[in-house]
Every structure is written in C-alpha cells, then in structure tokens.
Amino acid sequence: MKARKLLHTRYRVNDLEKTVKFYKDVLGLEEMRRHKSPRGSELVFLKAPESEEQIELCSFPSSGPVQVQPDLTHLAFEVDSLEEFGKHLAKLGLKYSDGPTTTSTGTAFAFIDAPEGYEIELIQRGKLADKGVGS
C-alpha cells in the first residue's frame, strides 16, 4: 500500500482573512471552498490555476497563536517571469525578501514573506532546466 497523490498542505494561521487575501491577491490563487471542521477550525482551501494540489489554511484560535520559526517551511510556485512578478509585487507595495538568484541552468528563484512568517518561493524555469538538465 502507498499514497497515490498529494491532495493538500495545511498551514495554520492567526488571521485567516488577511492570509486568504494575500494568497488570492498576491499569488492569484483561487478559493475552492471553505467550511468549519467538526472541532471548530475555520478552513479555506485554495489552489493555483494549473495545479491539482490545494493549500488548506486553518484558523483555530483555541490552540494558541501561530509562531512560525525562520526557515521552517515554504511553498514553491512556478511563475513565467520573476521580473514581471516583481513589478506586480511593487504595485502591491511588496518586494522580494530574498533574490532573485539564477542557477547554472538558468532557473531563477526568489522569496516573498507571507502573513504569519511563512515563506513563498517563486521559481522561473530556465531553458536548460526545461530540457531536464539540473534544477
């Protein structure tokens, strides 16, 4: 027996609406559904337009505040152009927290900080990476 596919990743957050707004406005994710769990958690499921996997954002205040440790975890999203995405961020009053950095294959990556301290990695694939060379 083995797992067949990844369905979603869950991040617990302090401010559900602020975080949902960030993922929708900054990253362009689509809200798929929201509901309250049997134990009382507020849940919102989002996904990128070309992905099947979803992100589950969870607010459960009775478990205490979320305190994300530096470099604990991140989500990575592919973008067509880090330069254009940087312009999009600037219009929203945001900027990259690290990068862009280009690898030997031409793939470039950069990071932005999401609410609660979670990192978001943005990756622009290089021509050599598209041909299966490196990453």
N, C-alpha and C. Protein backbone atom coordinates (compact mmCIF):
# COMPACT_ATOMS: atom_id res chain seq x y z
N MET A 1 0.84 -1.19 0.00
CA MET A 1 0.00 0.00 0.00
C MET A 1 0.88 1.24 0.00
N LYS A 2 0.54 2.25 -0.81
CA LYS A 2 1.28 3.50 -0.84
C LYS A 2 0.35 4.65 -1.15
N ALA A 3 0.77 5.84 -0.79
CA ALA A 3 -0.02 7.04 -1.09
C ALA A 3 -0.03 7.24 -2.60
N ARG A 4 -1.18 7.66 -3.13
CA ARG A 4 -1.32 7.83 -4.58
C ARG A 4 -0.96 9.22 -5.06
N LYS A 5 -1.37 10.26 -4.31
CA LYS A 5 -1.04 11.61 -4.75
C LYS A 5 -1.23 12.58 -3.59
N LEU A 6 -0.54 13.70 -3.69
CA LEU A 6 -0.67 14.76 -2.69
C LEU A 6 -1.96 15.52 -2.96
N LEU A 7 -2.79 15.68 -1.94
CA LEU A 7 -4.06 16.39 -2.09
C LEU A 7 -3.98 17.84 -1.61
N HIS A 8 -3.44 18.03 -0.41
CA HIS A 8 -3.30 19.40 0.09
C HIS A 8 -2.25 19.46 1.19
N THR A 9 -1.81 20.69 1.43
CA THR A 9 -0.89 21.00 2.52
C THR A 9 -1.60 22.00 3.42
N ARG A 10 -1.49 21.80 4.72
CA ARG A 10 -2.19 22.66 5.67
C ARG A 10 -1.22 23.60 6.38
N TYR A 11 -1.61 24.87 6.46
CA TYR A 11 -0.91 25.86 7.25
C TYR A 11 -1.91 26.49 8.21
N ARG A 12 -1.56 26.48 9.50
CA ARG A 12 -2.42 27.14 10.48
C ARG A 12 -1.99 28.60 10.55
N VAL A 13 -2.96 29.49 10.64
CA VAL A 13 -2.70 30.93 10.61
C VAL A 13 -3.47 31.63 11.72
N ASN A 14 -3.00 32.82 12.07
CA ASN A 14 -3.69 33.64 13.08
C ASN A 14 -4.83 34.43 12.48
N ASP A 15 -4.59 35.05 11.34
CA ASP A 15 -5.57 35.93 10.70
C ASP A 15 -5.98 35.32 9.36
N LEU A 16 -7.04 34.55 9.39
CA LEU A 16 -7.46 33.79 8.21
C LEU A 16 -7.77 34.71 7.03
N GLU A 17 -8.54 35.75 7.24
CA GLU A 17 -8.95 36.60 6.12
C GLU A 17 -7.77 37.36 5.51
N LYS A 18 -6.87 37.84 6.34
CA LYS A 18 -5.67 38.54 5.84
C LYS A 18 -4.83 37.58 5.00
N THR A 19 -4.68 36.35 5.45
CA THR A 19 -3.87 35.36 4.74
C THR A 19 -4.54 34.92 3.45
N VAL A 20 -5.84 34.71 3.46
CA VAL A 20 -6.57 34.35 2.24
C VAL A 20 -6.42 35.47 1.22
N LYS A 21 -6.57 36.71 1.66
CA LYS A 21 -6.42 37.86 0.76
C LYS A 21 -5.03 37.88 0.13
N PHE A 22 -3.99 37.62 0.92
CA PHE A 22 -2.63 37.57 0.40
C PHE A 22 -2.50 36.51 -0.70
N TYR A 23 -2.94 35.30 -0.43
CA TYR A 23 -2.80 34.23 -1.41
C TYR A 23 -3.61 34.50 -2.68
N LYS A 24 -4.74 35.14 -2.54
CA LYS A 24 -5.56 35.46 -3.71
C LYS A 24 -5.00 36.66 -4.48
N ASP A 25 -4.72 37.76 -3.78
CA ASP A 25 -4.30 39.00 -4.44
C ASP A 25 -2.85 38.96 -4.92
N VAL A 26 -1.97 38.41 -4.12
CA VAL A 26 -0.55 38.41 -4.46
C VAL A 26 -0.19 37.26 -5.39
N LEU A 27 -0.68 36.06 -5.08
CA LEU A 27 -0.31 34.88 -5.86
C LEU A 27 -1.34 34.48 -6.91
N GLY A 28 -2.54 35.03 -6.83
CA GLY A 28 -3.56 34.70 -7.81
C GLY A 28 -4.20 33.33 -7.61
N LEU A 29 -4.15 32.82 -6.38
CA LEU A 29 -4.78 31.52 -6.12
C LEU A 29 -6.30 31.66 -6.11
N GLU A 30 -6.94 30.55 -6.38
CA GLU A 30 -8.41 30.50 -6.40
C GLU A 30 -8.91 29.86 -5.12
N GLU A 31 -9.93 30.47 -4.50
CA GLU A 31 -10.56 29.85 -3.34
C GLU A 31 -11.50 28.76 -3.84
N MET A 32 -11.27 27.53 -3.38
CA MET A 32 -12.07 26.39 -3.83
C MET A 32 -13.28 26.15 -2.93
N ARG A 33 -13.03 26.25 -1.62
CA ARG A 33 -14.15 26.04 -0.68
C ARG A 33 -13.70 26.50 0.70
N ARG A 34 -14.67 26.70 1.57
CA ARG A 34 -14.39 26.99 2.97
C ARG A 34 -15.49 26.38 3.81
N HIS A 35 -15.10 25.96 5.01
CA HIS A 35 -16.07 25.38 5.95
C HIS A 35 -15.46 25.32 7.35
N LYS A 36 -16.29 24.97 8.29
CA LYS A 36 -15.86 24.79 9.68
C LYS A 36 -15.74 23.29 9.93
N SER A 37 -14.63 22.88 10.54
CA SER A 37 -14.41 21.47 10.84
C SER A 37 -15.25 21.06 12.04
N PRO A 38 -15.43 19.76 12.26
CA PRO A 38 -16.19 19.31 13.44
C PRO A 38 -15.62 19.80 14.77
N ARG A 39 -14.30 20.06 14.83
CA ARG A 39 -13.72 20.54 16.09
C ARG A 39 -13.73 22.06 16.20
N GLY A 40 -14.20 22.75 15.14
CA GLY A 40 -14.35 24.20 15.20
C GLY A 40 -13.32 25.01 14.43
N SER A 41 -12.41 24.36 13.72
CA SER A 41 -11.44 25.09 12.91
C SER A 41 -12.13 25.72 11.71
N GLU A 42 -11.74 26.94 11.37
CA GLU A 42 -12.19 27.58 10.14
C GLU A 42 -11.19 27.20 9.05
N LEU A 43 -11.67 26.63 7.96
CA LEU A 43 -10.80 26.11 6.91
C LEU A 43 -11.11 26.76 5.56
N VAL A 44 -10.07 27.13 4.83
CA VAL A 44 -10.21 27.66 3.48
C VAL A 44 -9.22 26.90 2.60
N PHE A 45 -9.72 26.37 1.48
CA PHE A 45 -8.89 25.63 0.53
C PHE A 45 -8.67 26.49 -0.71
N LEU A 46 -7.40 26.62 -1.12
CA LEU A 46 -7.03 27.42 -2.28
C LEU A 46 -6.15 26.57 -3.20
N LYS A 47 -6.09 26.98 -4.49
CA LYS A 47 -5.18 26.30 -5.41
C LYS A 47 -4.72 27.24 -6.50
N ALA A 48 -3.56 26.92 -7.05
CA ALA A 48 -3.05 27.66 -8.20
C ALA A 48 -3.80 27.18 -9.44
N PRO A 49 -4.00 28.04 -10.43
CA PRO A 49 -4.81 27.68 -11.59
C PRO A 49 -4.38 26.41 -12.33
N GLU A 50 -3.07 26.11 -12.38
CA GLU A 50 -2.62 24.95 -13.12
C GLU A 50 -2.24 23.77 -12.24
N SER A 51 -2.64 23.79 -10.97
CA SER A 51 -2.32 22.71 -10.03
C SER A 51 -3.56 21.99 -9.58
N GLU A 52 -3.39 20.73 -9.23
CA GLU A 52 -4.47 19.97 -8.60
C GLU A 52 -4.39 20.08 -7.08
N GLU A 53 -3.16 20.11 -6.54
CA GLU A 53 -2.97 20.16 -5.10
C GLU A 53 -3.49 21.47 -4.54
N GLN A 54 -3.99 21.40 -3.33
CA GLN A 54 -4.55 22.59 -2.70
C GLN A 54 -3.77 22.95 -1.44
N ILE A 55 -3.95 24.18 -1.01
CA ILE A 55 -3.42 24.66 0.26
C ILE A 55 -4.62 24.84 1.18
N GLU A 56 -4.54 24.26 2.36
CA GLU A 56 -5.59 24.41 3.36
C GLU A 56 -5.10 25.40 4.41
N LEU A 57 -5.76 26.53 4.51
CA LEU A 57 -5.46 27.50 5.55
C LEU A 57 -6.43 27.26 6.70
N CYS A 58 -5.90 27.20 7.90
CA CYS A 58 -6.69 26.82 9.07
C CYS A 58 -6.55 27.86 10.16
N SER A 59 -7.66 28.32 10.68
CA SER A 59 -7.67 29.18 11.84
C SER A 59 -8.29 28.40 12.99
N PHE A 60 -7.53 28.24 14.07
CA PHE A 60 -8.00 27.51 15.25
C PHE A 60 -7.46 28.21 16.49
N PRO A 61 -8.06 29.39 16.82
CA PRO A 61 -7.52 30.24 17.89
C PRO A 61 -7.35 29.54 19.24
N SER A 62 -8.19 28.56 19.56
CA SER A 62 -8.09 27.93 20.87
C SER A 62 -6.80 27.13 21.05
N SER A 63 -6.07 26.87 19.96
CA SER A 63 -4.81 26.14 20.08
C SER A 63 -3.61 27.07 20.30
N GLY A 64 -3.88 28.37 20.44
CA GLY A 64 -2.82 29.33 20.69
C GLY A 64 -2.35 30.00 19.42
N PRO A 65 -1.55 31.06 19.56
CA PRO A 65 -1.10 31.80 18.38
C PRO A 65 -0.07 31.02 17.57
N VAL A 66 -0.07 31.27 16.28
CA VAL A 66 0.90 30.67 15.37
C VAL A 66 2.20 31.45 15.48
N GLN A 67 3.31 30.76 15.65
CA GLN A 67 4.63 31.37 15.68
C GLN A 67 5.53 30.55 14.76
N VAL A 68 5.71 31.01 13.53
CA VAL A 68 6.49 30.28 12.53
C VAL A 68 7.97 30.55 12.75
N GLN A 69 8.74 29.49 12.88
CA GLN A 69 10.19 29.62 13.03
C GLN A 69 10.81 29.98 11.69
N PRO A 70 11.88 30.76 11.69
CA PRO A 70 12.56 31.09 10.43
C PRO A 70 13.02 29.83 9.71
N ASP A 71 12.85 29.84 8.40
CA ASP A 71 13.31 28.76 7.53
C ASP A 71 12.72 27.39 7.89
N LEU A 72 11.51 27.40 8.44
CA LEU A 72 10.86 26.14 8.83
C LEU A 72 10.27 25.42 7.63
N THR A 73 9.55 26.16 6.80
CA THR A 73 8.85 25.55 5.68
C THR A 73 8.55 26.63 4.65
N HIS A 74 8.29 26.20 3.42
CA HIS A 74 7.84 27.15 2.41
C HIS A 74 7.06 26.42 1.33
N LEU A 75 6.29 27.21 0.60
CA LEU A 75 5.58 26.72 -0.58
C LEU A 75 6.31 27.27 -1.79
N ALA A 76 6.39 26.51 -2.87
CA ALA A 76 7.06 26.97 -4.08
C ALA A 76 6.07 26.99 -5.23
N PHE A 77 6.07 28.09 -5.98
CA PHE A 77 5.18 28.27 -7.12
C PHE A 77 6.00 28.64 -8.34
N GLU A 78 5.63 28.10 -9.49
CA GLU A 78 6.27 28.47 -10.74
C GLU A 78 5.63 29.74 -11.28
N VAL A 79 6.46 30.65 -11.78
CA VAL A 79 5.99 31.87 -12.44
C VAL A 79 6.67 31.97 -13.80
N ASP A 80 6.05 32.70 -14.70
CA ASP A 80 6.64 32.88 -16.03
C ASP A 80 7.85 33.79 -15.99
N SER A 81 7.79 34.84 -15.18
CA SER A 81 8.86 35.84 -15.16
C SER A 81 8.98 36.44 -13.76
N LEU A 82 10.15 36.28 -13.15
CA LEU A 82 10.37 36.91 -11.85
C LEU A 82 10.41 38.42 -11.97
N GLU A 83 10.89 38.92 -13.09
CA GLU A 83 10.92 40.37 -13.31
C GLU A 83 9.50 40.93 -13.31
N GLU A 84 8.60 40.30 -14.06
CA GLU A 84 7.21 40.76 -14.12
C GLU A 84 6.51 40.56 -12.78
N PHE A 85 6.80 39.45 -12.10
CA PHE A 85 6.19 39.23 -10.79
C PHE A 85 6.67 40.28 -9.80
N GLY A 86 7.94 40.67 -9.90
CA GLY A 86 8.47 41.73 -9.05
C GLY A 86 7.74 43.05 -9.25
N LYS A 87 7.39 43.35 -10.51
CA LYS A 87 6.60 44.56 -10.80
C LYS A 87 5.21 44.46 -10.19
N HIS A 88 4.61 43.27 -10.26
CA HIS A 88 3.30 43.03 -9.63
C HIS A 88 3.40 43.27 -8.13
N LEU A 89 4.45 42.75 -7.51
CA LEU A 89 4.64 42.96 -6.07
C LEU A 89 4.77 44.44 -5.73
N ALA A 90 5.55 45.16 -6.53
CA ALA A 90 5.76 46.59 -6.29
C ALA A 90 4.44 47.36 -6.31
N LYS A 91 3.56 47.00 -7.24
CA LYS A 91 2.25 47.66 -7.31
C LYS A 91 1.43 47.43 -6.04
N LEU A 92 1.71 46.31 -5.36
CA LEU A 92 1.01 45.98 -4.12
C LEU A 92 1.76 46.48 -2.89
N GLY A 93 2.88 47.19 -3.11
CA GLY A 93 3.68 47.70 -2.00
C GLY A 93 4.54 46.63 -1.36
N LEU A 94 4.85 45.57 -2.09
CA LEU A 94 5.65 44.46 -1.57
C LEU A 94 6.93 44.33 -2.39
N LYS A 95 7.86 43.53 -1.87
CA LYS A 95 9.09 43.25 -2.61
C LYS A 95 9.60 41.87 -2.21
N TYR A 96 10.53 41.37 -3.00
CA TYR A 96 11.15 40.09 -2.66
C TYR A 96 11.92 40.23 -1.36
N SER A 97 11.86 39.20 -0.52
CA SER A 97 12.64 39.20 0.72
C SER A 97 14.02 38.61 0.48
N ASP A 98 14.18 37.87 -0.64
CA ASP A 98 15.47 37.28 -1.00
C ASP A 98 15.45 36.99 -2.50
N GLY A 99 16.55 37.34 -3.17
CA GLY A 99 16.65 37.05 -4.61
C GLY A 99 16.14 38.22 -5.43
N PRO A 100 16.01 37.98 -6.71
CA PRO A 100 16.15 36.72 -7.45
C PRO A 100 17.61 36.25 -7.56
N THR A 101 17.74 34.92 -7.60
CA THR A 101 19.01 34.24 -7.77
C THR A 101 18.88 33.32 -8.96
N THR A 102 19.89 33.31 -9.84
CA THR A 102 19.86 32.46 -11.02
C THR A 102 20.86 31.32 -10.87
N THR A 103 20.42 30.09 -11.19
CA THR A 103 21.28 28.91 -11.11
C THR A 103 22.01 28.69 -12.43
N SER A 104 22.88 27.69 -12.47
CA SER A 104 23.67 27.40 -13.67
C SER A 104 22.80 26.93 -14.84
N THR A 105 21.60 26.45 -14.58
CA THR A 105 20.69 26.01 -15.65
C THR A 105 19.83 27.14 -16.19
N GLY A 106 19.96 28.31 -15.56
CA GLY A 106 19.13 29.44 -15.98
C GLY A 106 17.85 29.57 -15.18
N THR A 107 17.56 28.59 -14.34
CA THR A 107 16.39 28.70 -13.45
C THR A 107 16.69 29.78 -12.41
N ALA A 108 15.71 30.60 -12.15
CA ALA A 108 15.87 31.67 -11.17
C ALA A 108 14.80 31.50 -10.09
N PHE A 109 15.14 31.93 -8.88
CA PHE A 109 14.18 31.83 -7.80
C PHE A 109 14.30 33.05 -6.89
N ALA A 110 13.21 33.33 -6.21
CA ALA A 110 13.15 34.43 -5.25
C ALA A 110 12.13 34.07 -4.19
N PHE A 111 12.16 34.79 -3.08
CA PHE A 111 11.24 34.53 -1.98
C PHE A 111 10.47 35.80 -1.61
N ILE A 112 9.25 35.60 -1.15
CA ILE A 112 8.47 36.66 -0.52
C ILE A 112 7.95 36.11 0.80
N ASP A 113 7.64 37.00 1.72
CA ASP A 113 7.12 36.58 3.01
C ASP A 113 5.61 36.71 3.03
N ALA A 114 4.96 35.63 3.38
CA ALA A 114 3.51 35.61 3.52
C ALA A 114 3.15 35.99 4.95
N PRO A 115 1.88 36.32 5.19
CA PRO A 115 1.47 36.58 6.57
C PRO A 115 1.84 35.38 7.46
N GLU A 116 2.02 35.63 8.70
CA GLU A 116 2.38 34.65 9.72
C GLU A 116 3.85 34.26 9.67
N GLY A 117 4.61 34.73 8.65
CA GLY A 117 6.03 34.41 8.56
C GLY A 117 6.37 33.24 7.65
N TYR A 118 5.37 32.64 7.02
CA TYR A 118 5.65 31.57 6.06
C TYR A 118 6.33 32.18 4.84
N GLU A 119 7.30 31.45 4.26
CA GLU A 119 7.98 31.90 3.05
C GLU A 119 7.30 31.31 1.83
N ILE A 120 7.32 32.09 0.75
CA ILE A 120 6.83 31.64 -0.55
C ILE A 120 8.01 31.73 -1.51
N GLU A 121 8.35 30.62 -2.16
CA GLU A 121 9.39 30.62 -3.17
C GLU A 121 8.74 30.72 -4.54
N LEU A 122 9.28 31.57 -5.38
CA LEU A 122 8.81 31.74 -6.75
C LEU A 122 9.93 31.29 -7.68
N ILE A 123 9.60 30.43 -8.62
CA ILE A 123 10.61 29.83 -9.49
C ILE A 123 10.28 30.12 -10.95
N GLN A 124 11.27 30.64 -11.65
CA GLN A 124 11.18 30.84 -13.09
C GLN A 124 12.12 29.82 -13.73
N ARG A 125 11.56 28.88 -14.46
CA ARG A 125 12.36 27.80 -15.06
C ARG A 125 13.28 28.34 -16.15
N GLY A 126 14.50 27.83 -16.16
CA GLY A 126 15.46 28.19 -17.20
C GLY A 126 15.36 27.26 -18.39
N LYS A 127 15.98 27.64 -19.48
CA LYS A 127 15.92 26.83 -20.70
C LYS A 127 16.55 25.45 -20.51
N LEU A 128 17.68 25.37 -19.80
CA LEU A 128 18.32 24.07 -19.58
C LEU A 128 17.48 23.20 -18.64
N ALA A 129 16.84 23.83 -17.66
CA ALA A 129 16.00 23.06 -16.73
C ALA A 129 14.81 22.48 -17.48
N ASP A 130 14.27 23.22 -18.47
CA ASP A 130 13.16 22.72 -19.26
C ASP A 130 13.55 21.49 -20.07
N LYS A 131 14.86 21.34 -20.34
CA LYS A 131 15.34 20.19 -21.11
C LYS A 131 15.78 19.05 -20.19
N GLY A 132 15.50 19.19 -18.89
CA GLY A 132 15.81 18.12 -17.95
C GLY A 132 17.21 18.19 -17.35
N VAL A 133 17.92 19.29 -17.56
CA VAL A 133 19.27 19.45 -17.01
C VAL A 133 19.17 20.22 -15.70
N GLY A 134 19.57 19.59 -14.61
CA GLY A 134 19.59 20.28 -13.31
C GLY A 134 18.23 20.80 -12.88
N SER A 135 18.26 21.76 -11.94
CA SER A 135 17.02 22.40 -11.49
C SER A 135 17.25 23.85 -11.15
